[in-house]
N, C-alpha and C. Protein backbone atom coordinates (compact mmCIF):
# COMPACT_ATOMS: atom_id res chain seq x y z
N MET A 1 -130.78 238.25 110.22
CA MET A 1 -129.81 237.90 109.19
C MET A 1 -130.40 236.89 108.21
N GLU A 2 -131.08 235.85 108.74
CA GLU A 2 -131.65 234.83 107.87
C GLU A 2 -132.71 235.41 106.95
N ASP A 3 -133.51 236.37 107.44
CA ASP A 3 -134.52 237.01 106.59
C ASP A 3 -133.87 237.78 105.46
N ASP A 4 -132.72 238.42 105.72
CA ASP A 4 -132.00 239.13 104.67
C ASP A 4 -131.57 238.18 103.56
N LEU A 5 -131.11 237.01 103.95
CA LEU A 5 -130.67 236.02 102.95
C LEU A 5 -131.85 235.52 102.12
N LYS A 6 -133.00 235.32 102.75
CA LYS A 6 -134.18 234.83 102.03
C LYS A 6 -134.70 235.85 101.02
N ASN A 7 -134.40 237.13 101.24
CA ASN A 7 -134.85 238.18 100.34
C ASN A 7 -133.95 238.35 99.12
N LYS A 8 -132.79 237.72 99.14
CA LYS A 8 -131.89 237.83 97.99
C LYS A 8 -132.40 236.96 96.84
N PRO A 9 -132.09 237.36 95.61
CA PRO A 9 -132.53 236.56 94.46
C PRO A 9 -131.62 235.35 94.25
N TYR A 10 -132.09 234.47 93.38
CA TYR A 10 -131.26 233.35 92.93
C TYR A 10 -130.46 233.80 91.70
N ARG A 11 -129.29 233.26 91.56
CA ARG A 11 -128.44 233.52 90.39
C ARG A 11 -128.85 232.54 89.29
N ALA A 12 -129.08 233.07 88.08
CA ALA A 12 -129.41 232.21 86.94
C ALA A 12 -128.18 231.43 86.52
N CYS A 13 -128.35 230.14 86.34
CA CYS A 13 -127.22 229.24 86.11
C CYS A 13 -127.64 228.12 85.17
N VAL A 14 -126.68 227.62 84.42
CA VAL A 14 -126.92 226.44 83.59
C VAL A 14 -126.07 225.29 84.16
N GLY A 15 -126.64 224.10 84.20
CA GLY A 15 -125.91 222.90 84.60
C GLY A 15 -125.92 221.92 83.44
N ILE A 16 -124.84 221.18 83.27
CA ILE A 16 -124.71 220.27 82.13
C ILE A 16 -124.47 218.85 82.60
N ALA A 17 -125.39 217.95 82.23
CA ALA A 17 -125.17 216.52 82.39
C ALA A 17 -124.57 216.05 81.07
N LEU A 18 -123.25 215.91 81.03
CA LEU A 18 -122.53 215.55 79.82
C LEU A 18 -122.33 214.03 79.80
N PHE A 19 -123.04 213.37 78.89
CA PHE A 19 -122.99 211.92 78.77
C PHE A 19 -121.95 211.51 77.74
N ASN A 20 -121.20 210.44 78.04
CA ASN A 20 -120.33 209.87 77.02
C ASN A 20 -121.09 208.78 76.26
N LYS A 21 -120.44 208.17 75.29
CA LYS A 21 -121.11 207.16 74.45
C LYS A 21 -121.53 205.93 75.24
N ASP A 22 -120.96 205.74 76.44
CA ASP A 22 -121.31 204.60 77.30
C ASP A 22 -122.42 204.94 78.29
N GLY A 23 -122.98 206.15 78.19
CA GLY A 23 -124.08 206.55 79.07
C GLY A 23 -123.65 207.01 80.45
N GLN A 24 -122.35 207.23 80.64
CA GLN A 24 -121.85 207.77 81.91
C GLN A 24 -121.79 209.30 81.80
N VAL A 25 -121.73 209.98 82.95
CA VAL A 25 -121.66 211.43 82.97
C VAL A 25 -120.35 211.92 83.55
N PHE A 26 -119.97 213.11 83.10
CA PHE A 26 -118.76 213.78 83.56
C PHE A 26 -119.00 214.38 84.94
N VAL A 27 -118.07 214.16 85.86
CA VAL A 27 -118.01 214.89 87.12
C VAL A 27 -116.58 215.35 87.34
N GLY A 28 -116.44 216.54 87.92
CA GLY A 28 -115.13 217.08 88.22
C GLY A 28 -115.04 217.45 89.68
N GLU A 29 -113.82 217.30 90.23
CA GLU A 29 -113.58 217.69 91.61
C GLU A 29 -113.18 219.16 91.64
N ARG A 30 -113.87 219.94 92.44
CA ARG A 30 -113.61 221.38 92.51
C ARG A 30 -112.22 221.66 93.09
N ILE A 31 -111.51 222.56 92.43
CA ILE A 31 -110.18 222.96 92.91
C ILE A 31 -110.29 223.59 94.29
N ASP A 32 -111.31 224.43 94.49
CA ASP A 32 -111.43 225.18 95.74
C ASP A 32 -112.03 224.38 96.89
N THR A 33 -112.54 223.17 96.60
CA THR A 33 -113.16 222.35 97.64
C THR A 33 -112.82 220.88 97.40
N PRO A 34 -111.61 220.46 97.75
CA PRO A 34 -111.24 219.06 97.54
C PRO A 34 -112.28 218.11 98.15
N GLY A 35 -112.62 217.09 97.39
CA GLY A 35 -113.63 216.13 97.82
C GLY A 35 -115.03 216.46 97.34
N ALA A 36 -115.22 217.68 96.84
CA ALA A 36 -116.54 218.10 96.32
C ALA A 36 -116.53 217.98 94.80
N TRP A 37 -117.39 217.13 94.31
CA TRP A 37 -117.48 216.88 92.88
C TRP A 37 -118.79 217.45 92.37
N GLN A 38 -118.82 217.79 91.10
CA GLN A 38 -120.05 218.27 90.49
C GLN A 38 -119.96 218.14 88.98
N MET A 39 -121.09 218.30 88.33
CA MET A 39 -121.13 218.39 86.88
C MET A 39 -120.83 219.84 86.51
N PRO A 40 -120.41 220.09 85.27
CA PRO A 40 -120.15 221.48 84.87
C PRO A 40 -121.39 222.35 85.06
N GLN A 41 -121.17 223.56 85.51
CA GLN A 41 -122.27 224.51 85.70
C GLN A 41 -121.69 225.90 85.81
N GLY A 42 -122.52 226.90 85.56
CA GLY A 42 -122.06 228.27 85.71
C GLY A 42 -123.15 229.26 85.37
N GLY A 43 -122.88 230.51 85.67
CA GLY A 43 -123.86 231.57 85.48
C GLY A 43 -124.22 231.79 84.02
N ILE A 44 -125.44 232.24 83.83
CA ILE A 44 -125.92 232.62 82.50
C ILE A 44 -125.72 234.13 82.37
N ASP A 45 -124.98 234.55 81.36
CA ASP A 45 -124.71 235.97 81.15
C ASP A 45 -125.96 236.69 80.64
N ASP A 46 -126.03 237.99 80.88
CA ASP A 46 -127.15 238.79 80.38
C ASP A 46 -127.28 238.62 78.88
N GLY A 47 -128.50 238.34 78.42
CA GLY A 47 -128.77 238.19 77.00
C GLY A 47 -128.38 236.85 76.42
N GLU A 48 -127.87 235.95 77.23
CA GLU A 48 -127.41 234.64 76.76
C GLU A 48 -128.53 233.62 76.92
N ASP A 49 -128.72 232.75 75.91
CA ASP A 49 -129.72 231.70 76.05
C ASP A 49 -129.09 230.47 76.70
N ILE A 50 -129.93 229.54 77.09
CA ILE A 50 -129.48 228.37 77.84
C ILE A 50 -128.46 227.55 77.06
N GLN A 51 -128.73 227.30 75.79
CA GLN A 51 -127.82 226.48 74.98
C GLN A 51 -126.46 227.17 74.82
N SER A 52 -126.45 228.45 74.54
CA SER A 52 -125.18 229.18 74.41
C SER A 52 -124.40 229.16 75.71
N ALA A 53 -125.10 229.36 76.83
CA ALA A 53 -124.45 229.33 78.13
C ALA A 53 -123.84 227.95 78.40
N ALA A 54 -124.55 226.89 78.03
CA ALA A 54 -124.05 225.54 78.25
C ALA A 54 -122.76 225.30 77.47
N PHE A 55 -122.73 225.68 76.21
CA PHE A 55 -121.51 225.49 75.41
C PHE A 55 -120.37 226.36 75.91
N ARG A 56 -120.66 227.58 76.35
CA ARG A 56 -119.62 228.44 76.89
C ARG A 56 -119.05 227.84 78.18
N GLU A 57 -119.93 227.36 79.05
CA GLU A 57 -119.46 226.76 80.30
C GLU A 57 -118.62 225.50 80.04
N LEU A 58 -119.02 224.68 79.08
CA LEU A 58 -118.20 223.52 78.74
C LEU A 58 -116.80 223.96 78.33
N SER A 59 -116.73 224.98 77.50
CA SER A 59 -115.44 225.48 77.04
C SER A 59 -114.61 226.00 78.20
N GLU A 60 -115.22 226.79 79.07
CA GLU A 60 -114.49 227.38 80.20
C GLU A 60 -114.07 226.34 81.23
N GLU A 61 -114.94 225.39 81.53
CA GLU A 61 -114.68 224.47 82.64
C GLU A 61 -113.95 223.19 82.24
N ILE A 62 -114.21 222.69 81.04
CA ILE A 62 -113.55 221.44 80.67
C ILE A 62 -112.79 221.53 79.34
N GLY A 63 -112.72 222.74 78.77
CA GLY A 63 -111.84 222.98 77.64
C GLY A 63 -112.31 222.44 76.31
N THR A 64 -113.59 222.14 76.17
CA THR A 64 -114.07 221.61 74.90
C THR A 64 -115.52 222.01 74.67
N GLN A 65 -115.90 222.03 73.40
CA GLN A 65 -117.31 222.18 73.03
C GLN A 65 -117.73 220.98 72.18
N GLN A 66 -116.99 219.89 72.30
CA GLN A 66 -117.28 218.67 71.54
C GLN A 66 -118.49 217.97 72.15
N ALA A 67 -119.66 218.49 71.84
CA ALA A 67 -120.90 217.95 72.41
C ALA A 67 -122.07 218.39 71.55
N LYS A 68 -123.15 217.65 71.71
CA LYS A 68 -124.39 218.09 71.07
C LYS A 68 -125.50 218.05 72.11
N LEU A 69 -126.42 218.99 71.96
CA LEU A 69 -127.54 219.11 72.89
C LEU A 69 -128.50 217.95 72.69
N ILE A 70 -128.90 217.31 73.78
CA ILE A 70 -129.89 216.23 73.73
C ILE A 70 -131.24 216.74 74.21
N GLU A 71 -131.22 217.44 75.37
CA GLU A 71 -132.48 217.84 75.99
C GLU A 71 -132.24 218.97 76.98
N ILE A 72 -133.24 219.85 77.11
CA ILE A 72 -133.25 220.85 78.16
C ILE A 72 -134.36 220.45 79.13
N MET A 73 -134.03 220.35 80.41
CA MET A 73 -135.01 219.95 81.42
C MET A 73 -136.20 220.90 81.38
N ASP A 74 -137.40 220.40 81.60
CA ASP A 74 -138.62 221.19 81.41
C ASP A 74 -138.93 222.13 82.57
N HIS A 75 -138.09 222.16 83.60
CA HIS A 75 -138.29 223.09 84.71
C HIS A 75 -136.93 223.42 85.33
N THR A 76 -136.89 224.51 86.04
CA THR A 76 -135.66 224.87 86.74
C THR A 76 -135.67 224.26 88.14
N VAL A 77 -134.49 224.18 88.72
CA VAL A 77 -134.35 223.74 90.11
C VAL A 77 -133.49 224.76 90.85
N CYS A 78 -133.83 225.00 92.09
CA CYS A 78 -133.12 225.99 92.89
C CYS A 78 -132.48 225.33 94.10
N TYR A 79 -131.37 225.91 94.53
CA TYR A 79 -130.81 225.51 95.82
C TYR A 79 -130.29 226.76 96.53
N ASP A 80 -130.36 226.72 97.84
CA ASP A 80 -129.80 227.77 98.68
C ASP A 80 -128.39 227.38 99.09
N LEU A 81 -127.50 228.34 99.05
CA LEU A 81 -126.16 228.13 99.58
C LEU A 81 -126.24 228.03 101.11
N PRO A 82 -125.31 227.31 101.72
CA PRO A 82 -125.23 227.37 103.18
C PRO A 82 -124.95 228.82 103.60
N PRO A 83 -125.47 229.26 104.74
CA PRO A 83 -125.30 230.66 105.16
C PRO A 83 -123.86 231.16 105.11
N GLU A 84 -122.90 230.32 105.46
CA GLU A 84 -121.51 230.78 105.47
C GLU A 84 -120.98 231.07 104.06
N LEU A 85 -121.60 230.53 103.03
CA LEU A 85 -121.18 230.82 101.65
C LEU A 85 -121.98 231.96 101.02
N GLN A 86 -123.18 232.24 101.53
CA GLN A 86 -124.02 233.28 100.92
C GLN A 86 -123.38 234.66 101.00
N THR A 87 -122.53 234.89 101.96
CA THR A 87 -121.92 236.21 102.08
C THR A 87 -120.62 236.33 101.30
N THR A 88 -120.07 235.19 100.83
CA THR A 88 -118.77 235.24 100.14
C THR A 88 -118.87 234.98 98.64
N LEU A 89 -119.74 234.09 98.21
CA LEU A 89 -119.84 233.77 96.78
C LEU A 89 -120.64 234.83 96.03
N TRP A 90 -120.23 235.11 94.82
CA TRP A 90 -120.94 236.03 93.91
C TRP A 90 -121.21 237.38 94.56
N GLY A 91 -120.22 237.86 95.32
CA GLY A 91 -120.32 239.16 95.94
C GLY A 91 -121.36 239.25 97.04
N GLY A 92 -121.87 238.11 97.50
CA GLY A 92 -122.89 238.11 98.54
C GLY A 92 -124.25 238.58 98.04
N ASN A 93 -124.44 238.62 96.71
CA ASN A 93 -125.66 239.16 96.13
C ASN A 93 -126.78 238.14 95.93
N PHE A 94 -126.49 236.85 96.11
CA PHE A 94 -127.48 235.81 95.80
C PHE A 94 -127.59 234.82 96.95
N ARG A 95 -128.79 234.27 97.11
CA ARG A 95 -129.02 233.26 98.15
C ARG A 95 -128.63 231.87 97.69
N GLY A 96 -128.55 231.68 96.38
CA GLY A 96 -128.24 230.39 95.78
C GLY A 96 -128.39 230.51 94.28
N GLN A 97 -128.72 229.39 93.65
CA GLN A 97 -128.84 229.39 92.20
C GLN A 97 -130.17 228.79 91.75
N GLU A 98 -130.68 229.35 90.65
CA GLU A 98 -131.78 228.76 89.91
C GLU A 98 -131.14 228.17 88.67
N GLN A 99 -131.20 226.85 88.55
CA GLN A 99 -130.47 226.16 87.50
C GLN A 99 -131.38 225.64 86.39
N TYR A 100 -130.90 225.87 85.18
CA TYR A 100 -131.49 225.33 83.97
C TYR A 100 -130.56 224.19 83.54
N TRP A 101 -131.05 222.96 83.60
CA TRP A 101 -130.20 221.81 83.32
C TRP A 101 -130.39 221.32 81.89
N VAL A 102 -129.27 220.94 81.27
CA VAL A 102 -129.29 220.39 79.92
C VAL A 102 -128.55 219.06 79.92
N ALA A 103 -129.03 218.15 79.09
CA ALA A 103 -128.32 216.90 78.83
C ALA A 103 -127.61 217.08 77.49
N MET A 104 -126.34 216.70 77.46
CA MET A 104 -125.55 216.79 76.24
C MET A 104 -124.81 215.48 76.02
N LEU A 105 -124.54 215.18 74.76
CA LEU A 105 -123.75 214.00 74.41
C LEU A 105 -122.36 214.46 74.02
N PHE A 106 -121.35 213.94 74.70
CA PHE A 106 -119.96 214.25 74.40
C PHE A 106 -119.57 213.57 73.10
N THR A 107 -119.10 214.33 72.14
CA THR A 107 -118.77 213.79 70.81
C THR A 107 -117.27 213.71 70.58
N GLY A 108 -116.48 214.11 71.55
CA GLY A 108 -115.03 214.08 71.41
C GLY A 108 -114.43 212.84 72.04
N THR A 109 -113.14 212.94 72.32
CA THR A 109 -112.43 211.88 73.04
C THR A 109 -111.98 212.45 74.38
N ASP A 110 -111.59 211.57 75.28
CA ASP A 110 -111.14 212.03 76.59
C ASP A 110 -109.99 213.03 76.47
N ASN A 111 -109.17 212.91 75.42
CA ASN A 111 -108.06 213.85 75.23
C ASN A 111 -108.53 215.27 74.92
N ASP A 112 -109.79 215.43 74.52
CA ASP A 112 -110.34 216.76 74.25
C ASP A 112 -110.69 217.51 75.53
N ILE A 113 -110.72 216.84 76.66
CA ILE A 113 -111.04 217.47 77.93
C ILE A 113 -109.76 218.03 78.54
N VAL A 114 -109.73 219.35 78.70
CA VAL A 114 -108.55 220.06 79.19
C VAL A 114 -108.99 220.96 80.35
N LEU A 115 -108.70 220.53 81.56
CA LEU A 115 -109.19 221.24 82.74
C LEU A 115 -108.49 222.56 83.00
N ASP A 116 -107.25 222.71 82.53
CA ASP A 116 -106.50 223.93 82.83
C ASP A 116 -106.39 224.86 81.63
N GLY A 117 -107.33 224.76 80.72
CA GLY A 117 -107.29 225.60 79.52
C GLY A 117 -107.79 227.02 79.76
N ASP A 118 -108.54 227.25 80.81
CA ASP A 118 -109.09 228.56 81.12
C ASP A 118 -108.20 229.25 82.15
N ALA A 119 -108.25 230.58 82.19
CA ALA A 119 -107.45 231.34 83.16
C ALA A 119 -107.84 231.04 84.60
N HIS A 120 -109.09 230.59 84.81
CA HIS A 120 -109.58 230.28 86.16
C HIS A 120 -110.15 228.86 86.19
N PRO A 121 -109.27 227.85 86.23
CA PRO A 121 -109.78 226.47 86.22
C PRO A 121 -110.67 226.18 87.43
N GLU A 122 -111.68 225.34 87.20
CA GLU A 122 -112.64 224.98 88.24
C GLU A 122 -112.35 223.62 88.87
N PHE A 123 -111.84 222.70 88.05
CA PHE A 123 -111.68 221.31 88.47
C PHE A 123 -110.22 220.90 88.53
N SER A 124 -109.89 220.06 89.53
CA SER A 124 -108.54 219.52 89.65
C SER A 124 -108.40 218.17 88.97
N GLN A 125 -109.50 217.42 88.90
CA GLN A 125 -109.51 216.12 88.23
C GLN A 125 -110.94 215.81 87.82
N TRP A 126 -111.10 214.80 86.98
CA TRP A 126 -112.43 214.46 86.49
C TRP A 126 -112.51 212.96 86.22
N LYS A 127 -113.75 212.48 86.05
CA LYS A 127 -113.98 211.09 85.69
C LYS A 127 -115.39 210.93 85.14
N TRP A 128 -115.61 209.82 84.48
CA TRP A 128 -116.94 209.41 84.02
C TRP A 128 -117.53 208.49 85.07
N VAL A 129 -118.80 208.73 85.45
CA VAL A 129 -119.47 207.88 86.44
C VAL A 129 -120.89 207.59 85.97
N ARG A 130 -121.47 206.54 86.54
CA ARG A 130 -122.88 206.27 86.26
C ARG A 130 -123.72 207.41 86.84
N LEU A 131 -124.74 207.81 86.12
CA LEU A 131 -125.61 208.90 86.58
C LEU A 131 -126.17 208.59 87.96
N SER A 132 -126.56 207.37 88.20
CA SER A 132 -127.15 207.01 89.49
C SER A 132 -126.14 207.10 90.64
N ASP A 133 -124.83 207.13 90.33
CA ASP A 133 -123.80 207.23 91.36
C ASP A 133 -123.41 208.67 91.70
N VAL A 134 -123.88 209.63 90.93
CA VAL A 134 -123.49 211.02 91.14
C VAL A 134 -123.76 211.50 92.57
N PRO A 135 -124.87 211.16 93.21
CA PRO A 135 -125.09 211.66 94.59
C PRO A 135 -124.01 211.26 95.59
N LYS A 136 -123.25 210.23 95.31
CA LYS A 136 -122.17 209.82 96.22
C LYS A 136 -121.07 210.87 96.30
N PHE A 137 -120.99 211.75 95.30
CA PHE A 137 -119.88 212.71 95.20
C PHE A 137 -120.28 214.14 95.54
N ILE A 138 -121.57 214.44 95.56
CA ILE A 138 -122.08 215.80 95.59
C ILE A 138 -122.14 216.36 97.01
N VAL A 139 -121.85 217.67 97.13
CA VAL A 139 -121.98 218.31 98.44
C VAL A 139 -123.44 218.28 98.87
N PRO A 140 -123.71 218.14 100.16
CA PRO A 140 -125.09 217.94 100.62
C PRO A 140 -126.09 219.02 100.18
N PHE A 141 -125.67 220.28 100.10
CA PHE A 141 -126.65 221.32 99.77
C PHE A 141 -127.09 221.29 98.31
N LYS A 142 -126.43 220.49 97.47
CA LYS A 142 -126.85 220.35 96.07
C LYS A 142 -127.53 219.01 95.80
N LEU A 143 -127.66 218.18 96.80
CA LEU A 143 -128.14 216.82 96.62
C LEU A 143 -129.54 216.75 96.00
N GLU A 144 -130.47 217.56 96.47
CA GLU A 144 -131.83 217.51 95.92
C GLU A 144 -131.86 217.91 94.45
N VAL A 145 -131.03 218.89 94.08
CA VAL A 145 -130.93 219.28 92.68
C VAL A 145 -130.50 218.09 91.83
N TYR A 146 -129.47 217.41 92.28
CA TYR A 146 -128.94 216.29 91.51
C TYR A 146 -129.93 215.13 91.44
N ARG A 147 -130.71 214.94 92.47
CA ARG A 147 -131.75 213.90 92.41
C ARG A 147 -132.77 214.22 91.32
N GLU A 148 -133.14 215.49 91.19
CA GLU A 148 -134.07 215.89 90.13
C GLU A 148 -133.44 215.72 88.75
N VAL A 149 -132.18 216.07 88.63
CA VAL A 149 -131.47 215.92 87.35
C VAL A 149 -131.41 214.45 86.96
N ILE A 150 -131.12 213.59 87.92
CA ILE A 150 -131.07 212.14 87.65
C ILE A 150 -132.43 211.65 87.17
N GLN A 151 -133.48 212.07 87.85
CA GLN A 151 -134.83 211.64 87.45
C GLN A 151 -135.16 212.12 86.03
N ALA A 152 -134.81 213.36 85.72
CA ALA A 152 -135.13 213.92 84.41
C ALA A 152 -134.32 213.29 83.28
N PHE A 153 -133.06 212.94 83.55
CA PHE A 153 -132.15 212.51 82.48
C PHE A 153 -131.79 211.02 82.54
N GLN A 154 -132.40 210.26 83.43
CA GLN A 154 -132.08 208.83 83.55
C GLN A 154 -132.23 208.10 82.22
N LYS A 155 -133.15 208.53 81.40
CA LYS A 155 -133.39 207.86 80.12
C LYS A 155 -132.19 207.94 79.17
N HIS A 156 -131.26 208.86 79.43
CA HIS A 156 -130.07 209.00 78.58
C HIS A 156 -128.91 208.18 79.11
N SER A 157 -129.08 207.57 80.27
CA SER A 157 -128.04 206.78 80.92
C SER A 157 -128.19 205.32 80.50
N LYS A 158 -127.11 204.58 80.58
CA LYS A 158 -127.16 203.15 80.24
C LYS A 158 -126.89 202.31 81.46
């Protein structure tokens, strides 16, 4: 069974470190997993570039595109889902995700963030946190990804 999972591909995904003017980043608590927080992220559609995917995901997950691109991380990062999730998420077709991370600057106000604007909301609540504090909120199987994101984007934090 484990060999079958290792043979599955990674799902292409974009992750967004959305910084506010104070150098903090957006994290949201997942509706489907209370206590699990993450930055906005989602699949990259066929034919979609990283920047377009990032703006689409912002719109779908937090209800706004009030942001500007700061930086695209110079490499991708991958994570494997825990075995119990590999058979249920994304039709059981992927072992995990290969993520393209972008840093963006939020140009709106907190009132521009609308978590229930999409037909399938992802987050139940959200907050701004220091980038260095993000690992305190993240599910363990994504921790190494977030450590790399912090290292890559620390220069945008205050």
